[in-house]
Amino acid sequence: MTVKLPDFSCRTSLASSPFACVCFSLFFQERNIFNRIFGGFLMRKAYELGWANACSYGGCRPNLVAVDDILFQKPVEIGSLLLLSSQVCYTQGKYIQVRVHSEVFDPLTRQHNTTNVFHYTFISDRDVPSIIPKTYGESMLYLDGKRHFNQTVEP
C-alpha cells in the first residue's frame, strides 16, 4: 500500500494541493456474506486515508468530528482494484472537511466506476489554512464541502 502525501511546508492553500491517493487489490478476507467486499472495510480504509490527508494538511493529528451519511452506490467485487482519493475541500478555523472518493478499476475494460463518496469532518489543534478554489471544478468541490460541513457541524 502506497500513500502519496504532499508536502505542505509552503502552505499553498489551493484546493488541488491537499490531495492523497491509494490503490488496493481486494481479497476474499474482506468479504461479507454476499461474497462482496464488506462495507466496513471500505469505510475504514476511506477514513484512514482521509485522516492522513487532514493530518498532513493541518500539521497535527486531527480528531474526527462527524461522518456524513454513507450510501453504497455499487457493490465492490472480490479481486477488484479499489482506488481511493482524498481531498481537503473546505476549511473553517480549526475544522477540516475531507472528501474521499472511492472507485473500482476494471483492468480488462479499463473503466472506472464510482462506488462511494465519503465526507469526514475533522478538527485540528490549531487554525488551518483556508482553501482557495481556482477552477470551476475546485469551486464545486468547495461548495459541496461547505454544504456538508454546515449540515454536520452547524445545525
N, C-alpha and C. Protein backbone atom coordinates (compact mmCIF):
# COMPACT_ATOMS: atom_id res chain seq x y z
N MET A 1 0.85 -1.18 0.00
CA MET A 1 0.00 0.00 0.00
C MET A 1 0.88 1.23 0.00
N THR A 2 0.67 2.12 -0.95
CA THR A 2 1.43 3.34 -1.05
C THR A 2 0.50 4.52 -0.93
N VAL A 3 0.82 5.44 -0.03
CA VAL A 3 0.03 6.64 0.14
C VAL A 3 0.89 7.83 -0.27
N LYS A 4 0.39 8.63 -1.19
CA LYS A 4 1.10 9.82 -1.64
C LYS A 4 0.58 11.01 -0.85
N LEU A 5 1.39 11.54 0.03
CA LEU A 5 1.01 12.71 0.80
C LEU A 5 1.89 13.88 0.38
N PRO A 6 1.28 14.98 -0.01
CA PRO A 6 2.05 16.12 -0.48
C PRO A 6 2.74 16.86 0.66
N ASP A 7 3.73 17.67 0.31
CA ASP A 7 4.43 18.50 1.27
C ASP A 7 3.70 19.83 1.37
N PHE A 8 3.27 20.19 2.58
CA PHE A 8 2.54 21.44 2.77
C PHE A 8 3.39 22.48 3.49
N SER A 9 4.70 22.36 3.41
CA SER A 9 5.57 23.28 4.12
C SER A 9 5.40 24.71 3.61
N CYS A 10 5.03 24.88 2.34
CA CYS A 10 4.87 26.22 1.79
C CYS A 10 3.47 26.78 2.09
N ARG A 11 2.55 25.94 2.56
CA ARG A 11 1.19 26.35 2.93
C ARG A 11 0.44 27.01 1.78
N THR A 12 0.63 26.52 0.59
CA THR A 12 -0.17 26.99 -0.54
C THR A 12 -1.55 26.41 -0.38
N SER A 13 -2.55 27.25 -0.29
CA SER A 13 -3.89 26.79 0.03
C SER A 13 -4.77 26.70 -1.20
N LEU A 14 -4.41 25.85 -2.12
CA LEU A 14 -5.24 25.60 -3.28
C LEU A 14 -6.00 24.30 -3.08
N ALA A 15 -7.19 24.22 -3.62
CA ALA A 15 -7.98 23.01 -3.47
C ALA A 15 -7.30 21.82 -4.14
N SER A 16 -6.45 22.08 -5.13
CA SER A 16 -5.78 20.98 -5.80
C SER A 16 -4.57 20.48 -5.02
N SER A 17 -4.09 21.21 -4.02
CA SER A 17 -2.90 20.82 -3.28
C SER A 17 -3.14 19.69 -2.28
N PRO A 18 -4.11 19.83 -1.36
CA PRO A 18 -4.26 18.80 -0.33
C PRO A 18 -4.93 17.54 -0.88
N PHE A 19 -4.13 16.67 -1.46
CA PHE A 19 -4.66 15.51 -2.17
C PHE A 19 -3.84 14.28 -1.84
N ALA A 20 -4.50 13.14 -1.60
CA ALA A 20 -3.81 11.88 -1.36
C ALA A 20 -4.56 10.78 -2.10
N CYS A 21 -3.83 9.76 -2.54
CA CYS A 21 -4.44 8.69 -3.32
C CYS A 21 -3.81 7.36 -2.92
N VAL A 22 -4.61 6.28 -2.96
CA VAL A 22 -4.12 4.95 -2.62
C VAL A 22 -4.88 3.92 -3.46
N CYS A 23 -4.23 2.80 -3.75
CA CYS A 23 -4.83 1.73 -4.54
C CYS A 23 -4.71 0.42 -3.77
N PHE A 24 -5.78 -0.37 -3.74
CA PHE A 24 -5.80 -1.66 -3.05
C PHE A 24 -6.25 -2.75 -4.02
N SER A 25 -5.66 -3.92 -3.86
CA SER A 25 -6.19 -5.11 -4.51
C SER A 25 -6.98 -5.83 -3.43
N LEU A 26 -8.24 -6.11 -3.68
CA LEU A 26 -9.13 -6.62 -2.64
C LEU A 26 -9.23 -8.14 -2.70
N PHE A 27 -9.06 -8.78 -1.55
CA PHE A 27 -9.05 -10.23 -1.45
C PHE A 27 -10.23 -10.74 -0.64
N PHE A 28 -10.40 -12.05 -0.62
CA PHE A 28 -11.58 -12.67 -0.01
C PHE A 28 -11.63 -12.50 1.51
N GLN A 29 -10.54 -12.14 2.17
CA GLN A 29 -10.56 -11.96 3.63
C GLN A 29 -11.52 -10.84 4.04
N GLU A 30 -11.76 -9.88 3.17
CA GLU A 30 -12.62 -8.75 3.49
C GLU A 30 -14.05 -8.94 2.97
N ARG A 31 -14.45 -10.17 2.67
CA ARG A 31 -15.76 -10.39 2.06
C ARG A 31 -16.87 -10.40 3.12
N ASN A 32 -18.09 -10.16 2.65
CA ASN A 32 -19.27 -10.26 3.50
C ASN A 32 -20.03 -11.54 3.14
N ILE A 33 -21.24 -11.71 3.66
CA ILE A 33 -21.99 -12.94 3.40
C ILE A 33 -22.47 -13.06 1.96
N PHE A 34 -22.40 -11.95 1.21
CA PHE A 34 -22.82 -11.96 -0.20
C PHE A 34 -21.63 -12.13 -1.15
N ASN A 35 -20.46 -12.47 -0.60
CA ASN A 35 -19.22 -12.62 -1.36
C ASN A 35 -18.83 -11.35 -2.11
N ARG A 36 -19.07 -10.24 -1.48
CA ARG A 36 -18.61 -8.93 -1.94
C ARG A 36 -17.75 -8.35 -0.83
N ILE A 37 -17.09 -7.25 -1.09
CA ILE A 37 -16.23 -6.63 -0.08
C ILE A 37 -17.11 -5.98 0.99
N PHE A 38 -16.77 -6.23 2.25
CA PHE A 38 -17.52 -5.72 3.40
C PHE A 38 -17.45 -4.20 3.45
N GLY A 39 -18.59 -3.56 3.61
CA GLY A 39 -18.65 -2.10 3.63
C GLY A 39 -17.85 -1.47 4.74
N GLY A 40 -17.76 -2.13 5.88
CA GLY A 40 -16.96 -1.61 6.99
C GLY A 40 -15.48 -1.51 6.65
N PHE A 41 -15.00 -2.45 5.85
CA PHE A 41 -13.61 -2.40 5.39
C PHE A 41 -13.39 -1.17 4.52
N LEU A 42 -14.32 -0.90 3.61
CA LEU A 42 -14.22 0.27 2.75
C LEU A 42 -14.26 1.56 3.56
N MET A 43 -15.16 1.61 4.55
CA MET A 43 -15.27 2.79 5.39
C MET A 43 -13.99 3.03 6.19
N ARG A 44 -13.39 1.95 6.70
CA ARG A 44 -12.16 2.09 7.48
C ARG A 44 -11.01 2.60 6.62
N LYS A 45 -10.85 2.04 5.42
CA LYS A 45 -9.78 2.47 4.53
C LYS A 45 -9.98 3.93 4.09
N ALA A 46 -11.22 4.31 3.82
CA ALA A 46 -11.51 5.70 3.44
C ALA A 46 -11.22 6.64 4.60
N TYR A 47 -11.60 6.24 5.81
CA TYR A 47 -11.33 7.06 6.99
C TYR A 47 -9.82 7.22 7.20
N GLU A 48 -9.07 6.14 7.08
CA GLU A 48 -7.62 6.21 7.29
C GLU A 48 -6.96 7.16 6.30
N LEU A 49 -7.37 7.09 5.04
CA LEU A 49 -6.80 7.98 4.04
C LEU A 49 -7.22 9.43 4.29
N GLY A 50 -8.49 9.64 4.64
CA GLY A 50 -8.96 10.99 4.94
C GLY A 50 -8.26 11.58 6.15
N TRP A 51 -8.05 10.75 7.19
CA TRP A 51 -7.36 11.21 8.39
C TRP A 51 -5.91 11.58 8.06
N ALA A 52 -5.23 10.75 7.27
CA ALA A 52 -3.85 11.03 6.89
C ALA A 52 -3.75 12.33 6.11
N ASN A 53 -4.70 12.58 5.24
CA ASN A 53 -4.72 13.81 4.46
C ASN A 53 -4.97 15.02 5.36
N ALA A 54 -5.94 14.91 6.28
CA ALA A 54 -6.22 16.00 7.21
C ALA A 54 -5.03 16.25 8.13
N CYS A 55 -4.37 15.20 8.54
CA CYS A 55 -3.18 15.32 9.40
C CYS A 55 -2.07 16.04 8.65
N SER A 56 -1.87 15.67 7.41
CA SER A 56 -0.83 16.30 6.60
C SER A 56 -1.15 17.77 6.34
N TYR A 57 -2.41 18.08 6.07
CA TYR A 57 -2.79 19.45 5.76
C TYR A 57 -2.79 20.33 7.01
N GLY A 58 -3.30 19.79 8.12
CA GLY A 58 -3.40 20.58 9.34
C GLY A 58 -2.11 20.70 10.13
N GLY A 59 -1.16 19.82 9.87
CA GLY A 59 0.11 19.89 10.56
C GLY A 59 0.12 19.26 11.94
N CYS A 60 -0.96 18.61 12.33
CA CYS A 60 -1.03 17.89 13.60
C CYS A 60 -2.10 16.81 13.49
N ARG A 61 -2.20 15.98 14.51
CA ARG A 61 -3.16 14.88 14.48
C ARG A 61 -4.58 15.40 14.74
N PRO A 62 -5.45 15.28 13.74
CA PRO A 62 -6.82 15.77 13.91
C PRO A 62 -7.71 14.75 14.62
N ASN A 63 -8.81 15.23 15.15
CA ASN A 63 -9.83 14.37 15.74
C ASN A 63 -11.07 14.39 14.85
N LEU A 64 -11.71 13.23 14.76
CA LEU A 64 -12.92 13.12 13.95
C LEU A 64 -14.09 13.79 14.67
N VAL A 65 -14.80 14.65 13.94
CA VAL A 65 -15.97 15.33 14.48
C VAL A 65 -17.24 14.70 13.95
N ALA A 66 -17.28 14.44 12.65
CA ALA A 66 -18.52 13.93 12.04
C ALA A 66 -18.21 13.11 10.80
N VAL A 67 -19.08 12.14 10.56
CA VAL A 67 -19.07 11.35 9.33
C VAL A 67 -20.43 11.57 8.68
N ASP A 68 -20.42 12.03 7.44
CA ASP A 68 -21.68 12.25 6.75
C ASP A 68 -22.31 10.90 6.39
N ASP A 69 -23.58 10.92 6.01
CA ASP A 69 -24.26 9.69 5.62
C ASP A 69 -23.48 8.95 4.54
N ILE A 70 -23.44 7.64 4.67
CA ILE A 70 -22.71 6.81 3.70
C ILE A 70 -23.72 5.98 2.93
N LEU A 71 -23.68 6.14 1.62
CA LEU A 71 -24.56 5.38 0.74
C LEU A 71 -23.69 4.56 -0.19
N PHE A 72 -23.85 3.25 -0.16
CA PHE A 72 -23.07 2.37 -1.02
C PHE A 72 -23.77 2.31 -2.38
N GLN A 73 -23.20 2.99 -3.37
CA GLN A 73 -23.82 3.11 -4.68
C GLN A 73 -23.72 1.83 -5.49
N LYS A 74 -22.57 1.16 -5.41
CA LYS A 74 -22.35 -0.07 -6.17
C LYS A 74 -21.57 -1.05 -5.30
N PRO A 75 -21.82 -2.34 -5.46
CA PRO A 75 -21.03 -3.33 -4.71
C PRO A 75 -19.61 -3.41 -5.25
N VAL A 76 -18.69 -3.80 -4.38
CA VAL A 76 -17.29 -3.96 -4.76
C VAL A 76 -16.98 -5.45 -4.75
N GLU A 77 -16.58 -5.95 -5.90
CA GLU A 77 -16.34 -7.38 -6.05
C GLU A 77 -14.96 -7.78 -5.51
N ILE A 78 -14.84 -9.03 -5.08
CA ILE A 78 -13.56 -9.58 -4.65
C ILE A 78 -12.62 -9.61 -5.86
N GLY A 79 -11.38 -9.23 -5.65
CA GLY A 79 -10.40 -9.20 -6.73
C GLY A 79 -10.35 -7.89 -7.47
N SER A 80 -11.22 -6.95 -7.11
CA SER A 80 -11.23 -5.65 -7.76
C SER A 80 -10.03 -4.82 -7.33
N LEU A 81 -9.72 -3.82 -8.13
CA LEU A 81 -8.74 -2.82 -7.75
C LEU A 81 -9.51 -1.61 -7.25
N LEU A 82 -9.33 -1.28 -5.99
CA LEU A 82 -10.03 -0.16 -5.38
C LEU A 82 -9.11 1.05 -5.35
N LEU A 83 -9.58 2.16 -5.91
CA LEU A 83 -8.84 3.41 -5.90
C LEU A 83 -9.53 4.38 -4.96
N LEU A 84 -8.81 4.86 -3.96
CA LEU A 84 -9.33 5.86 -3.03
C LEU A 84 -8.55 7.14 -3.24
N SER A 85 -9.26 8.25 -3.39
CA SER A 85 -8.60 9.55 -3.49
C SER A 85 -9.25 10.48 -2.48
N SER A 86 -8.40 11.18 -1.74
CA SER A 86 -8.85 12.05 -0.67
C SER A 86 -8.46 13.48 -0.99
N GLN A 87 -9.37 14.40 -0.69
CA GLN A 87 -9.08 15.81 -0.95
C GLN A 87 -9.69 16.67 0.14
N VAL A 88 -8.89 17.58 0.67
CA VAL A 88 -9.42 18.59 1.59
C VAL A 88 -10.19 19.57 0.73
N CYS A 89 -11.49 19.68 0.97
CA CYS A 89 -12.30 20.51 0.09
C CYS A 89 -12.81 21.78 0.76
N TYR A 90 -12.75 21.84 2.10
CA TYR A 90 -13.23 23.03 2.80
C TYR A 90 -12.57 23.10 4.16
N THR A 91 -12.22 24.30 4.59
CA THR A 91 -11.70 24.51 5.95
C THR A 91 -12.36 25.73 6.54
N GLN A 92 -12.48 25.72 7.86
CA GLN A 92 -13.02 26.87 8.58
C GLN A 92 -12.42 26.85 9.97
N GLY A 93 -11.59 27.82 10.27
CA GLY A 93 -10.94 27.87 11.58
C GLY A 93 -10.08 26.64 11.81
N LYS A 94 -10.49 25.81 12.79
CA LYS A 94 -9.76 24.58 13.10
C LYS A 94 -10.36 23.36 12.42
N TYR A 95 -11.44 23.54 11.68
CA TYR A 95 -12.14 22.42 11.05
C TYR A 95 -11.58 22.13 9.66
N ILE A 96 -11.53 20.84 9.33
CA ILE A 96 -11.08 20.38 8.02
C ILE A 96 -12.14 19.43 7.47
N GLN A 97 -12.70 19.75 6.31
CA GLN A 97 -13.68 18.90 5.65
C GLN A 97 -12.96 18.12 4.55
N VAL A 98 -13.02 16.79 4.63
CA VAL A 98 -12.31 15.92 3.70
C VAL A 98 -13.32 15.09 2.92
N ARG A 99 -13.09 15.00 1.62
CA ARG A 99 -13.91 14.18 0.73
C ARG A 99 -13.05 13.04 0.23
N VAL A 100 -13.54 11.80 0.41
CA VAL A 100 -12.83 10.63 -0.08
C VAL A 100 -13.69 9.97 -1.16
N HIS A 101 -13.14 9.87 -2.35
CA HIS A 101 -13.83 9.29 -3.49
C HIS A 101 -13.34 7.86 -3.67
N SER A 102 -14.26 6.92 -3.72
CA SER A 102 -13.93 5.50 -3.86
C SER A 102 -14.42 5.02 -5.22
N GLU A 103 -13.52 4.39 -5.97
CA GLU A 103 -13.91 3.86 -7.27
C GLU A 103 -13.20 2.54 -7.52
N VAL A 104 -13.84 1.73 -8.35
CA VAL A 104 -13.29 0.44 -8.74
C VAL A 104 -12.77 0.55 -10.16
N PHE A 105 -11.58 0.00 -10.38
CA PHE A 105 -10.98 -0.01 -11.71
C PHE A 105 -11.01 -1.43 -12.23
N ASP A 106 -11.59 -1.59 -13.42
CA ASP A 106 -11.62 -2.89 -14.08
C ASP A 106 -10.49 -2.92 -15.11
N PRO A 107 -9.43 -3.72 -14.87
CA PRO A 107 -8.29 -3.70 -15.78
C PRO A 107 -8.62 -4.28 -17.17
N LEU A 108 -9.65 -5.10 -17.28
CA LEU A 108 -10.00 -5.67 -18.58
C LEU A 108 -10.66 -4.65 -19.50
N THR A 109 -11.59 -3.88 -18.94
CA THR A 109 -12.30 -2.89 -19.74
C THR A 109 -11.68 -1.49 -19.60
N ARG A 110 -10.76 -1.33 -18.64
CA ARG A 110 -10.08 -0.06 -18.36
C ARG A 110 -11.08 1.02 -17.96
N GLN A 111 -12.16 0.63 -17.26
CA GLN A 111 -13.17 1.58 -16.84
C GLN A 111 -13.11 1.79 -15.33
N HIS A 112 -13.44 3.02 -14.92
CA HIS A 112 -13.54 3.38 -13.51
C HIS A 112 -15.02 3.55 -13.18
N ASN A 113 -15.45 2.96 -12.06
CA ASN A 113 -16.84 3.11 -11.61
C ASN A 113 -16.84 3.57 -10.17
N THR A 114 -17.51 4.68 -9.91
CA THR A 114 -17.61 5.20 -8.54
C THR A 114 -18.47 4.28 -7.70
N THR A 115 -17.96 3.93 -6.52
CA THR A 115 -18.73 3.09 -5.60
C THR A 115 -19.23 3.88 -4.40
N ASN A 116 -18.47 4.85 -3.93
CA ASN A 116 -18.85 5.64 -2.76
C ASN A 116 -18.17 7.00 -2.82
N VAL A 117 -18.77 7.95 -2.10
CA VAL A 117 -18.12 9.22 -1.78
C VAL A 117 -18.33 9.43 -0.29
N PHE A 118 -17.24 9.52 0.45
CA PHE A 118 -17.30 9.69 1.90
C PHE A 118 -16.95 11.13 2.24
N HIS A 119 -17.62 11.68 3.26
CA HIS A 119 -17.33 13.03 3.75
C HIS A 119 -17.04 12.94 5.24
N TYR A 120 -15.85 13.40 5.62
CA TYR A 120 -15.42 13.39 7.02
C TYR A 120 -15.10 14.81 7.45
N THR A 121 -15.47 15.14 8.69
CA THR A 121 -15.13 16.43 9.27
C THR A 121 -14.18 16.18 10.43
N PHE A 122 -13.04 16.84 10.39
CA PHE A 122 -12.02 16.72 11.44
C PHE A 122 -11.81 18.08 12.09
N ILE A 123 -11.29 18.05 13.32
CA ILE A 123 -10.90 19.29 14.00
C ILE A 123 -9.43 19.17 14.37
N SER A 124 -8.71 20.26 14.17
CA SER A 124 -7.28 20.31 14.43
C SER A 124 -7.02 21.07 15.73
N ASP A 125 -5.82 20.96 16.24
CA ASP A 125 -5.45 21.68 17.46
C ASP A 125 -5.20 23.16 17.20
N ARG A 126 -4.98 23.50 15.94
CA ARG A 126 -4.69 24.89 15.58
C ARG A 126 -5.45 25.26 14.31
N ASP A 127 -5.48 26.54 14.02
CA ASP A 127 -6.14 27.00 12.81
C ASP A 127 -5.41 26.46 11.58
N VAL A 128 -6.19 26.13 10.56
CA VAL A 128 -5.62 25.58 9.33
C VAL A 128 -5.79 26.60 8.21
N PRO A 129 -4.92 26.52 7.18
CA PRO A 129 -5.04 27.46 6.05
C PRO A 129 -6.37 27.30 5.33
N SER A 130 -6.86 28.40 4.83
CA SER A 130 -8.12 28.38 4.08
C SER A 130 -7.92 27.79 2.70
N ILE A 131 -8.98 27.20 2.18
CA ILE A 131 -8.97 26.67 0.82
C ILE A 131 -9.41 27.78 -0.13
N ILE A 132 -8.66 27.96 -1.19
CA ILE A 132 -8.99 28.97 -2.20
C ILE A 132 -9.13 28.26 -3.55
N PRO A 133 -10.36 28.01 -4.00
CA PRO A 133 -10.53 27.33 -5.29
C PRO A 133 -10.14 28.24 -6.44
N LYS A 134 -9.53 27.64 -7.47
CA LYS A 134 -9.10 28.41 -8.63
C LYS A 134 -9.85 28.05 -9.90
N THR A 135 -10.41 26.84 -9.96
CA THR A 135 -11.12 26.43 -11.17
C THR A 135 -12.59 26.18 -10.84
N TYR A 136 -13.37 25.98 -11.87
CA TYR A 136 -14.79 25.69 -11.67
C TYR A 136 -14.97 24.38 -10.90
N GLY A 137 -14.21 23.34 -11.27
CA GLY A 137 -14.30 22.05 -10.57
C GLY A 137 -13.94 22.17 -9.11
N GLU A 138 -12.88 22.92 -8.80
CA GLU A 138 -12.48 23.13 -7.42
C GLU A 138 -13.55 23.91 -6.66
N SER A 139 -14.19 24.86 -7.33
CA SER A 139 -15.26 25.64 -6.70
C SER A 139 -16.45 24.75 -6.36
N MET A 140 -16.77 23.81 -7.24
CA MET A 140 -17.88 22.89 -6.98
C MET A 140 -17.56 21.99 -5.79
N LEU A 141 -16.31 21.48 -5.71
CA LEU A 141 -15.90 20.67 -4.56
C LEU A 141 -15.94 21.49 -3.28
N TYR A 142 -15.51 22.74 -3.37
CA TYR A 142 -15.52 23.64 -2.22
C TYR A 142 -16.94 23.85 -1.71
N LEU A 143 -17.87 24.15 -2.62
CA LEU A 143 -19.26 24.37 -2.22
C LEU A 143 -19.90 23.11 -1.66
N ASP A 144 -19.59 21.96 -2.26
CA ASP A 144 -20.10 20.69 -1.74
C ASP A 144 -19.55 20.43 -0.34
N GLY A 145 -18.26 20.68 -0.14
CA GLY A 145 -17.65 20.51 1.18
C GLY A 145 -18.25 21.46 2.20
N LYS A 146 -18.49 22.70 1.81
CA LYS A 146 -19.10 23.67 2.72
C LYS A 146 -20.52 23.24 3.10
N ARG A 147 -21.25 22.73 2.13
CA ARG A 147 -22.62 22.27 2.41
C ARG A 147 -22.61 21.10 3.40
N HIS A 148 -21.71 20.13 3.19
CA HIS A 148 -21.62 19.01 4.13
C HIS A 148 -21.15 19.47 5.50
N PHE A 149 -20.22 20.41 5.53
CA PHE A 149 -19.74 20.95 6.80
C PHE A 149 -20.87 21.62 7.56
N ASN A 150 -21.63 22.47 6.88
CA ASN A 150 -22.74 23.17 7.52
C ASN A 150 -23.82 22.22 8.02
N GLN A 151 -24.05 21.12 7.32
CA GLN A 151 -25.07 20.15 7.75
C GLN A 151 -24.64 19.38 8.99
N THR A 152 -23.35 19.13 9.12
CA THR A 152 -22.89 18.26 10.22
C THR A 152 -22.41 19.03 11.43
N VAL A 153 -21.78 20.18 11.25
CA VAL A 153 -21.18 20.90 12.38
C VAL A 153 -22.07 22.01 12.91
N GLU A 154 -22.68 22.76 12.00
CA GLU A 154 -23.52 23.87 12.41
C GLU A 154 -24.99 23.53 12.14
N PRO A 155 -25.68 22.93 13.12
CA PRO A 155 -27.07 22.52 12.88
C PRO A 155 -28.02 23.69 12.72
